[in-house]
Amino acid sequence: MGKTVFDETERQALLERAMRVETGTKPKWGQMNSVKMLRHLSASFEMALGELPCASKPGPMKNWLVHWLVIDSPMPWPKGTPTAPELISQPTAGVEEEQQRLRAALGRVAARGPSGQYAEHPAFGKLSSAKWGRLIWRHVDHHLRQFGV
């Protein structure tokens, strides 16, 4: 079993890394700047909580093997994979405001906990809360690596 945002130590480590992102931090790949990346992560938490509706996507991502590869395996994620359009925005706030938004949204995920109910993922479909915890951890880690933190 991989790392999860439901483990307080792991969640705090992610938050500490996210707080090291600065306005001028350049990505190692992709099109997002640091502010857009932080907003993207917050939006993904809001999606998981059901606060941000996302349209379901057809395709092979609902297969158990894909779930294992993306959520449970130790393999790194490919760079530049497409994302739901609902998770891409043009934030008007700065890095500090987006860091606080991220902290608050991740706090709501933590408060709901590993026993809580989560929305259906637009690509992966229905996920257990345990899978959501691992997916969120991997997603945040992926983007923090993208920005070298």
N, C-alpha and C. Protein backbone atom coordinates (compact mmCIF):
# COMPACT_ATOMS: atom_id res chain seq x y z
N MET A 1 0.85 -1.18 0.00
CA MET A 1 0.00 0.00 0.00
C MET A 1 0.89 1.24 0.00
N GLY A 2 0.54 2.23 -0.81
CA GLY A 2 1.34 3.43 -0.97
C GLY A 2 1.01 4.51 0.05
N LYS A 3 1.65 5.63 -0.13
CA LYS A 3 1.42 6.78 0.76
C LYS A 3 0.03 7.34 0.52
N THR A 4 -0.50 7.99 1.56
CA THR A 4 -1.86 8.51 1.51
C THR A 4 -1.95 9.85 2.24
N VAL A 5 -2.87 10.69 1.78
CA VAL A 5 -3.09 11.97 2.46
C VAL A 5 -3.83 11.78 3.78
N PHE A 6 -4.31 10.57 4.04
CA PHE A 6 -4.99 10.32 5.31
C PHE A 6 -3.99 10.03 6.43
N ASP A 7 -2.72 9.90 6.09
CA ASP A 7 -1.65 9.78 7.09
C ASP A 7 -1.18 11.21 7.38
N GLU A 8 -1.34 11.64 8.62
CA GLU A 8 -1.04 13.03 8.97
C GLU A 8 0.41 13.41 8.65
N THR A 9 1.34 12.53 8.91
CA THR A 9 2.75 12.83 8.64
C THR A 9 2.97 13.03 7.15
N GLU A 10 2.40 12.16 6.33
CA GLU A 10 2.55 12.29 4.88
C GLU A 10 1.87 13.56 4.36
N ARG A 11 0.69 13.85 4.89
CA ARG A 11 -0.05 15.06 4.47
C ARG A 11 0.73 16.31 4.84
N GLN A 12 1.28 16.35 6.03
CA GLN A 12 2.05 17.53 6.45
C GLN A 12 3.31 17.70 5.61
N ALA A 13 3.94 16.58 5.24
CA ALA A 13 5.13 16.66 4.39
C ALA A 13 4.77 17.25 3.02
N LEU A 14 3.63 16.86 2.47
CA LEU A 14 3.19 17.45 1.20
C LEU A 14 2.94 18.95 1.35
N LEU A 15 2.27 19.33 2.44
CA LEU A 15 1.98 20.75 2.67
C LEU A 15 3.27 21.56 2.82
N GLU A 16 4.24 21.02 3.53
CA GLU A 16 5.51 21.72 3.69
C GLU A 16 6.18 21.93 2.33
N ARG A 17 6.13 20.92 1.49
CA ARG A 17 6.70 21.06 0.14
C ARG A 17 5.93 22.11 -0.65
N ALA A 18 4.60 22.08 -0.57
CA ALA A 18 3.78 23.04 -1.32
C ALA A 18 4.06 24.47 -0.87
N MET A 19 4.38 24.66 0.39
CA MET A 19 4.66 26.00 0.90
C MET A 19 6.01 26.53 0.41
N ARG A 20 6.83 25.65 -0.16
CA ARG A 20 8.12 26.08 -0.71
C ARG A 20 8.02 26.55 -2.16
N VAL A 21 6.86 26.36 -2.77
CA VAL A 21 6.65 26.84 -4.14
C VAL A 21 6.60 28.36 -4.11
N GLU A 22 7.29 28.98 -5.03
CA GLU A 22 7.32 30.44 -5.11
C GLU A 22 6.78 30.90 -6.45
N THR A 23 6.48 32.18 -6.54
CA THR A 23 5.94 32.75 -7.78
C THR A 23 6.82 32.42 -8.98
N GLY A 24 8.12 32.54 -8.83
CA GLY A 24 9.03 32.32 -9.94
C GLY A 24 9.51 30.90 -10.13
N THR A 25 8.99 29.96 -9.33
CA THR A 25 9.41 28.57 -9.47
C THR A 25 8.99 28.07 -10.85
N LYS A 26 9.96 27.60 -11.61
CA LYS A 26 9.71 27.13 -12.98
C LYS A 26 9.44 25.63 -13.00
N PRO A 27 8.51 25.20 -13.85
CA PRO A 27 8.26 23.77 -13.96
C PRO A 27 9.34 23.07 -14.76
N LYS A 28 9.57 21.81 -14.44
CA LYS A 28 10.51 20.99 -15.20
C LYS A 28 9.86 20.48 -16.48
N TRP A 29 8.53 20.47 -16.51
CA TRP A 29 7.78 20.09 -17.70
C TRP A 29 6.41 20.74 -17.60
N GLY A 30 5.69 20.73 -18.71
CA GLY A 30 4.30 21.19 -18.73
C GLY A 30 4.14 22.68 -18.93
N GLN A 31 2.88 23.09 -18.99
CA GLN A 31 2.51 24.47 -19.33
C GLN A 31 2.12 25.33 -18.13
N MET A 32 1.85 24.72 -16.99
CA MET A 32 1.37 25.50 -15.85
C MET A 32 2.49 26.28 -15.18
N ASN A 33 2.13 27.47 -14.68
CA ASN A 33 3.05 28.17 -13.79
C ASN A 33 2.73 27.74 -12.36
N SER A 34 3.47 28.24 -11.40
CA SER A 34 3.31 27.78 -10.02
C SER A 34 1.92 28.09 -9.46
N VAL A 35 1.37 29.24 -9.78
CA VAL A 35 0.04 29.61 -9.28
C VAL A 35 -1.02 28.69 -9.87
N LYS A 36 -0.95 28.44 -11.18
CA LYS A 36 -1.93 27.54 -11.83
C LYS A 36 -1.82 26.13 -11.28
N MET A 37 -0.61 25.68 -11.00
CA MET A 37 -0.43 24.33 -10.46
C MET A 37 -1.08 24.22 -9.08
N LEU A 38 -0.86 25.21 -8.22
CA LEU A 38 -1.46 25.16 -6.89
C LEU A 38 -2.98 25.19 -6.99
N ARG A 39 -3.53 26.02 -7.87
CA ARG A 39 -4.98 26.08 -8.06
C ARG A 39 -5.50 24.75 -8.59
N HIS A 40 -4.75 24.14 -9.52
CA HIS A 40 -5.12 22.84 -10.08
C HIS A 40 -5.23 21.80 -8.98
N LEU A 41 -4.28 21.78 -8.07
CA LEU A 41 -4.32 20.82 -6.97
C LEU A 41 -5.52 21.07 -6.07
N SER A 42 -5.76 22.33 -5.71
CA SER A 42 -6.93 22.65 -4.87
C SER A 42 -8.22 22.23 -5.56
N ALA A 43 -8.31 22.50 -6.85
CA ALA A 43 -9.51 22.11 -7.60
C ALA A 43 -9.68 20.60 -7.59
N SER A 44 -8.59 19.85 -7.66
CA SER A 44 -8.70 18.39 -7.63
C SER A 44 -9.23 17.90 -6.28
N PHE A 45 -8.85 18.56 -5.18
CA PHE A 45 -9.38 18.20 -3.86
C PHE A 45 -10.87 18.52 -3.81
N GLU A 46 -11.24 19.68 -4.36
CA GLU A 46 -12.64 20.09 -4.39
C GLU A 46 -13.47 19.11 -5.23
N MET A 47 -12.87 18.60 -6.31
CA MET A 47 -13.54 17.59 -7.12
C MET A 47 -13.77 16.32 -6.29
N ALA A 48 -12.75 15.86 -5.59
CA ALA A 48 -12.87 14.66 -4.77
C ALA A 48 -13.96 14.80 -3.72
N LEU A 49 -14.08 16.00 -3.16
CA LEU A 49 -15.07 16.27 -2.12
C LEU A 49 -16.48 16.47 -2.67
N GLY A 50 -16.61 16.57 -4.00
CA GLY A 50 -17.91 16.82 -4.61
C GLY A 50 -18.27 18.28 -4.66
N GLU A 51 -17.33 19.16 -4.34
CA GLU A 51 -17.57 20.61 -4.36
C GLU A 51 -17.42 21.19 -5.76
N LEU A 52 -16.68 20.51 -6.62
CA LEU A 52 -16.46 20.96 -7.99
C LEU A 52 -16.90 19.84 -8.92
N PRO A 53 -18.06 19.99 -9.55
CA PRO A 53 -18.53 18.93 -10.45
C PRO A 53 -17.63 18.80 -11.68
N CYS A 54 -17.37 17.57 -12.08
CA CYS A 54 -16.59 17.28 -13.28
C CYS A 54 -17.33 16.23 -14.10
N ALA A 55 -17.38 16.45 -15.40
CA ALA A 55 -18.06 15.52 -16.29
C ALA A 55 -17.31 14.20 -16.36
N SER A 56 -18.07 13.12 -16.39
CA SER A 56 -17.48 11.79 -16.52
C SER A 56 -16.86 11.62 -17.90
N LYS A 57 -15.73 10.94 -17.96
CA LYS A 57 -15.02 10.71 -19.22
C LYS A 57 -15.08 9.22 -19.56
N PRO A 58 -15.46 8.88 -20.78
CA PRO A 58 -15.43 7.47 -21.18
C PRO A 58 -13.99 7.03 -21.42
N GLY A 59 -13.74 5.76 -21.36
CA GLY A 59 -12.41 5.26 -21.67
C GLY A 59 -11.97 4.15 -20.75
N PRO A 60 -10.74 3.69 -20.94
CA PRO A 60 -10.24 2.51 -20.23
C PRO A 60 -9.77 2.80 -18.79
N MET A 61 -9.83 4.04 -18.34
CA MET A 61 -9.29 4.39 -17.03
C MET A 61 -10.06 3.76 -15.87
N LYS A 62 -11.25 3.26 -16.11
CA LYS A 62 -12.04 2.65 -15.04
C LYS A 62 -11.64 1.19 -14.78
N ASN A 63 -10.74 0.66 -15.57
CA ASN A 63 -10.27 -0.72 -15.45
C ASN A 63 -9.40 -0.87 -14.19
N TRP A 64 -9.55 -2.01 -13.50
CA TRP A 64 -8.81 -2.24 -12.26
C TRP A 64 -7.29 -2.21 -12.48
N LEU A 65 -6.82 -2.67 -13.64
CA LEU A 65 -5.39 -2.68 -13.90
C LEU A 65 -4.85 -1.26 -14.04
N VAL A 66 -5.61 -0.40 -14.70
CA VAL A 66 -5.22 1.00 -14.81
C VAL A 66 -5.21 1.65 -13.43
N HIS A 67 -6.21 1.33 -12.61
CA HIS A 67 -6.23 1.85 -11.23
C HIS A 67 -4.95 1.45 -10.50
N TRP A 68 -4.58 0.18 -10.64
CA TRP A 68 -3.37 -0.27 -9.95
C TRP A 68 -2.15 0.48 -10.47
N LEU A 69 -2.03 0.60 -11.79
CA LEU A 69 -0.86 1.29 -12.37
C LEU A 69 -0.76 2.74 -11.91
N VAL A 70 -1.89 3.43 -11.90
CA VAL A 70 -1.89 4.87 -11.60
C VAL A 70 -1.89 5.14 -10.10
N ILE A 71 -2.66 4.38 -9.36
CA ILE A 71 -2.88 4.69 -7.95
C ILE A 71 -1.97 3.90 -7.02
N ASP A 72 -1.77 2.62 -7.30
CA ASP A 72 -1.10 1.75 -6.34
C ASP A 72 0.34 1.37 -6.68
N SER A 73 0.71 1.43 -7.94
CA SER A 73 2.06 0.99 -8.29
C SER A 73 3.08 2.08 -7.94
N PRO A 74 4.33 1.70 -7.77
CA PRO A 74 5.37 2.69 -7.48
C PRO A 74 5.89 3.40 -8.74
N MET A 75 5.37 3.03 -9.90
CA MET A 75 5.86 3.64 -11.15
C MET A 75 5.52 5.13 -11.18
N PRO A 76 6.47 5.96 -11.63
CA PRO A 76 6.16 7.40 -11.74
C PRO A 76 5.14 7.65 -12.84
N TRP A 77 4.39 8.71 -12.68
CA TRP A 77 3.40 9.07 -13.68
C TRP A 77 4.07 9.70 -14.88
N PRO A 78 3.49 9.50 -16.06
CA PRO A 78 4.04 10.17 -17.24
C PRO A 78 3.82 11.68 -17.14
N LYS A 79 4.69 12.41 -17.79
CA LYS A 79 4.60 13.87 -17.78
C LYS A 79 3.68 14.33 -18.90
N GLY A 80 2.89 15.36 -18.62
CA GLY A 80 2.07 15.96 -19.66
C GLY A 80 0.80 15.22 -20.00
N THR A 81 0.28 14.41 -19.07
CA THR A 81 -0.97 13.72 -19.37
C THR A 81 -2.13 14.72 -19.31
N PRO A 82 -3.18 14.50 -20.12
CA PRO A 82 -4.30 15.43 -20.13
C PRO A 82 -5.04 15.45 -18.80
N THR A 83 -5.69 16.56 -18.53
CA THR A 83 -6.46 16.70 -17.30
C THR A 83 -7.86 17.18 -17.63
N ALA A 84 -8.77 17.00 -16.70
CA ALA A 84 -10.14 17.47 -16.89
C ALA A 84 -10.13 18.99 -17.04
N PRO A 85 -10.88 19.53 -17.98
CA PRO A 85 -10.90 20.99 -18.17
C PRO A 85 -11.38 21.74 -16.94
N GLU A 86 -12.20 21.09 -16.11
CA GLU A 86 -12.69 21.75 -14.90
C GLU A 86 -11.56 22.00 -13.90
N LEU A 87 -10.44 21.30 -14.08
CA LEU A 87 -9.32 21.44 -13.14
C LEU A 87 -8.25 22.40 -13.66
N ILE A 88 -8.56 23.09 -14.74
CA ILE A 88 -7.64 24.08 -15.30
C ILE A 88 -8.33 25.43 -15.21
N SER A 89 -7.71 26.37 -14.53
CA SER A 89 -8.32 27.70 -14.40
C SER A 89 -7.28 28.78 -14.56
N GLN A 90 -7.75 29.99 -14.61
CA GLN A 90 -6.89 31.16 -14.69
C GLN A 90 -7.00 31.91 -13.36
N PRO A 91 -6.26 31.49 -12.36
CA PRO A 91 -6.38 32.13 -11.04
C PRO A 91 -5.93 33.59 -11.09
N THR A 92 -6.57 34.39 -10.29
CA THR A 92 -6.20 35.80 -10.19
C THR A 92 -5.43 36.08 -8.91
N ALA A 93 -5.34 35.11 -8.04
CA ALA A 93 -4.62 35.27 -6.78
C ALA A 93 -3.13 34.98 -6.99
N GLY A 94 -2.34 35.25 -5.98
CA GLY A 94 -0.92 34.95 -6.02
C GLY A 94 -0.61 33.62 -5.35
N VAL A 95 0.67 33.29 -5.30
CA VAL A 95 1.11 32.02 -4.75
C VAL A 95 0.64 31.85 -3.30
N GLU A 96 0.80 32.87 -2.47
CA GLU A 96 0.44 32.72 -1.06
C GLU A 96 -1.04 32.42 -0.88
N GLU A 97 -1.89 33.10 -1.65
CA GLU A 97 -3.33 32.86 -1.55
C GLU A 97 -3.67 31.44 -2.03
N GLU A 98 -3.00 31.01 -3.09
CA GLU A 98 -3.27 29.66 -3.60
C GLU A 98 -2.74 28.60 -2.64
N GLN A 99 -1.64 28.88 -1.95
CA GLN A 99 -1.15 27.94 -0.95
C GLN A 99 -2.16 27.80 0.19
N GLN A 100 -2.77 28.91 0.58
CA GLN A 100 -3.77 28.86 1.65
C GLN A 100 -5.02 28.12 1.19
N ARG A 101 -5.42 28.34 -0.07
CA ARG A 101 -6.56 27.61 -0.63
C ARG A 101 -6.27 26.11 -0.63
N LEU A 102 -5.06 25.74 -1.04
CA LEU A 102 -4.65 24.34 -1.06
C LEU A 102 -4.69 23.76 0.35
N ARG A 103 -4.13 24.48 1.31
CA ARG A 103 -4.11 24.02 2.71
C ARG A 103 -5.54 23.79 3.21
N ALA A 104 -6.44 24.72 2.92
CA ALA A 104 -7.83 24.61 3.39
C ALA A 104 -8.53 23.42 2.72
N ALA A 105 -8.37 23.28 1.40
CA ALA A 105 -9.04 22.18 0.69
C ALA A 105 -8.50 20.83 1.15
N LEU A 106 -7.20 20.73 1.34
CA LEU A 106 -6.63 19.47 1.81
C LEU A 106 -7.08 19.20 3.25
N GLY A 107 -7.26 20.25 4.02
CA GLY A 107 -7.79 20.10 5.38
C GLY A 107 -9.20 19.51 5.37
N ARG A 108 -10.01 19.93 4.40
CA ARG A 108 -11.37 19.38 4.28
C ARG A 108 -11.33 17.90 3.90
N VAL A 109 -10.38 17.52 3.05
CA VAL A 109 -10.21 16.11 2.71
C VAL A 109 -9.81 15.33 3.97
N ALA A 110 -8.85 15.86 4.71
CA ALA A 110 -8.39 15.19 5.93
C ALA A 110 -9.52 15.06 6.94
N ALA A 111 -10.35 16.11 7.06
CA ALA A 111 -11.46 16.08 8.01
C ALA A 111 -12.49 15.02 7.63
N ARG A 112 -12.71 14.85 6.34
CA ARG A 112 -13.66 13.81 5.88
C ARG A 112 -13.07 12.43 6.16
N GLY A 113 -11.76 12.32 6.00
CA GLY A 113 -11.03 11.13 6.40
C GLY A 113 -11.20 9.91 5.51
N PRO A 114 -10.55 8.83 5.94
CA PRO A 114 -10.55 7.59 5.15
C PRO A 114 -11.87 6.83 5.19
N SER A 115 -12.80 7.24 6.02
CA SER A 115 -14.11 6.59 6.08
C SER A 115 -15.18 7.39 5.37
N GLY A 116 -14.82 8.60 4.90
CA GLY A 116 -15.80 9.48 4.30
C GLY A 116 -16.20 9.09 2.89
N GLN A 117 -17.22 9.75 2.41
CA GLN A 117 -17.71 9.55 1.05
C GLN A 117 -17.06 10.58 0.14
N TYR A 118 -16.65 10.14 -1.04
CA TYR A 118 -16.01 11.00 -2.02
C TYR A 118 -16.75 10.88 -3.34
N ALA A 119 -16.62 11.90 -4.16
CA ALA A 119 -17.28 11.93 -5.46
C ALA A 119 -16.69 10.88 -6.38
N GLU A 120 -17.40 10.61 -7.43
CA GLU A 120 -16.88 9.72 -8.46
C GLU A 120 -15.81 10.48 -9.26
N HIS A 121 -14.72 9.83 -9.53
CA HIS A 121 -13.65 10.46 -10.32
C HIS A 121 -14.08 10.48 -11.78
N PRO A 122 -13.86 11.59 -12.49
CA PRO A 122 -14.33 11.67 -13.88
C PRO A 122 -13.69 10.63 -14.81
N ALA A 123 -12.46 10.25 -14.56
CA ALA A 123 -11.79 9.28 -15.42
C ALA A 123 -11.79 7.88 -14.81
N PHE A 124 -11.55 7.76 -13.50
CA PHE A 124 -11.40 6.46 -12.85
C PHE A 124 -12.71 5.87 -12.34
N GLY A 125 -13.76 6.67 -12.29
CA GLY A 125 -15.04 6.19 -11.79
C GLY A 125 -15.08 6.15 -10.28
N LYS A 126 -15.87 5.23 -9.74
CA LYS A 126 -16.03 5.11 -8.29
C LYS A 126 -14.75 4.57 -7.68
N LEU A 127 -14.25 5.28 -6.68
CA LEU A 127 -13.04 4.87 -5.97
C LEU A 127 -13.36 4.75 -4.49
N SER A 128 -12.72 3.82 -3.83
CA SER A 128 -12.84 3.75 -2.38
C SER A 128 -12.14 4.97 -1.79
N SER A 129 -12.46 5.29 -0.55
CA SER A 129 -11.78 6.41 0.09
C SER A 129 -10.29 6.12 0.22
N ALA A 130 -9.91 4.88 0.43
CA ALA A 130 -8.48 4.53 0.52
C ALA A 130 -7.78 4.84 -0.80
N LYS A 131 -8.42 4.49 -1.92
CA LYS A 131 -7.82 4.80 -3.23
C LYS A 131 -7.77 6.31 -3.45
N TRP A 132 -8.81 7.03 -3.04
CA TRP A 132 -8.77 8.49 -3.15
C TRP A 132 -7.58 9.05 -2.36
N GLY A 133 -7.35 8.56 -1.17
CA GLY A 133 -6.24 9.05 -0.35
C GLY A 133 -4.90 8.84 -1.03
N ARG A 134 -4.72 7.68 -1.66
CA ARG A 134 -3.46 7.41 -2.37
C ARG A 134 -3.37 8.22 -3.66
N LEU A 135 -4.49 8.32 -4.39
CA LEU A 135 -4.49 9.09 -5.64
C LEU A 135 -4.17 10.56 -5.38
N ILE A 136 -4.78 11.13 -4.37
CA ILE A 136 -4.50 12.54 -4.04
C ILE A 136 -3.03 12.71 -3.68
N TRP A 137 -2.50 11.81 -2.85
CA TRP A 137 -1.08 11.92 -2.48
C TRP A 137 -0.20 11.88 -3.73
N ARG A 138 -0.46 10.90 -4.61
CA ARG A 138 0.37 10.76 -5.82
C ARG A 138 0.24 11.97 -6.74
N HIS A 139 -0.97 12.52 -6.85
CA HIS A 139 -1.20 13.67 -7.72
C HIS A 139 -0.43 14.90 -7.20
N VAL A 140 -0.53 15.15 -5.91
CA VAL A 140 0.20 16.28 -5.32
C VAL A 140 1.70 16.07 -5.47
N ASP A 141 2.18 14.89 -5.14
CA ASP A 141 3.61 14.59 -5.26
C ASP A 141 4.08 14.79 -6.70
N HIS A 142 3.31 14.33 -7.67
CA HIS A 142 3.66 14.48 -9.09
C HIS A 142 3.88 15.95 -9.44
N HIS A 143 2.94 16.81 -9.04
CA HIS A 143 3.06 18.23 -9.40
C HIS A 143 4.13 18.95 -8.58
N LEU A 144 4.35 18.55 -7.36
CA LEU A 144 5.44 19.17 -6.59
C LEU A 144 6.78 18.78 -7.18
N ARG A 145 6.91 17.55 -7.66
CA ARG A 145 8.13 17.15 -8.37
C ARG A 145 8.29 17.95 -9.65
N GLN A 146 7.17 18.21 -10.33
CA GLN A 146 7.19 19.02 -11.54
C GLN A 146 7.85 20.38 -11.27
N PHE A 147 7.63 20.91 -10.07
CA PHE A 147 8.18 22.21 -9.70
C PHE A 147 9.41 22.11 -8.81
N GLY A 148 9.98 20.92 -8.74
CA GLY A 148 11.25 20.74 -8.05
C GLY A 148 11.21 20.85 -6.55
N VAL A 149 10.03 20.64 -5.94
CA VAL A 149 9.94 20.70 -4.47
C VAL A 149 9.40 19.39 -3.92
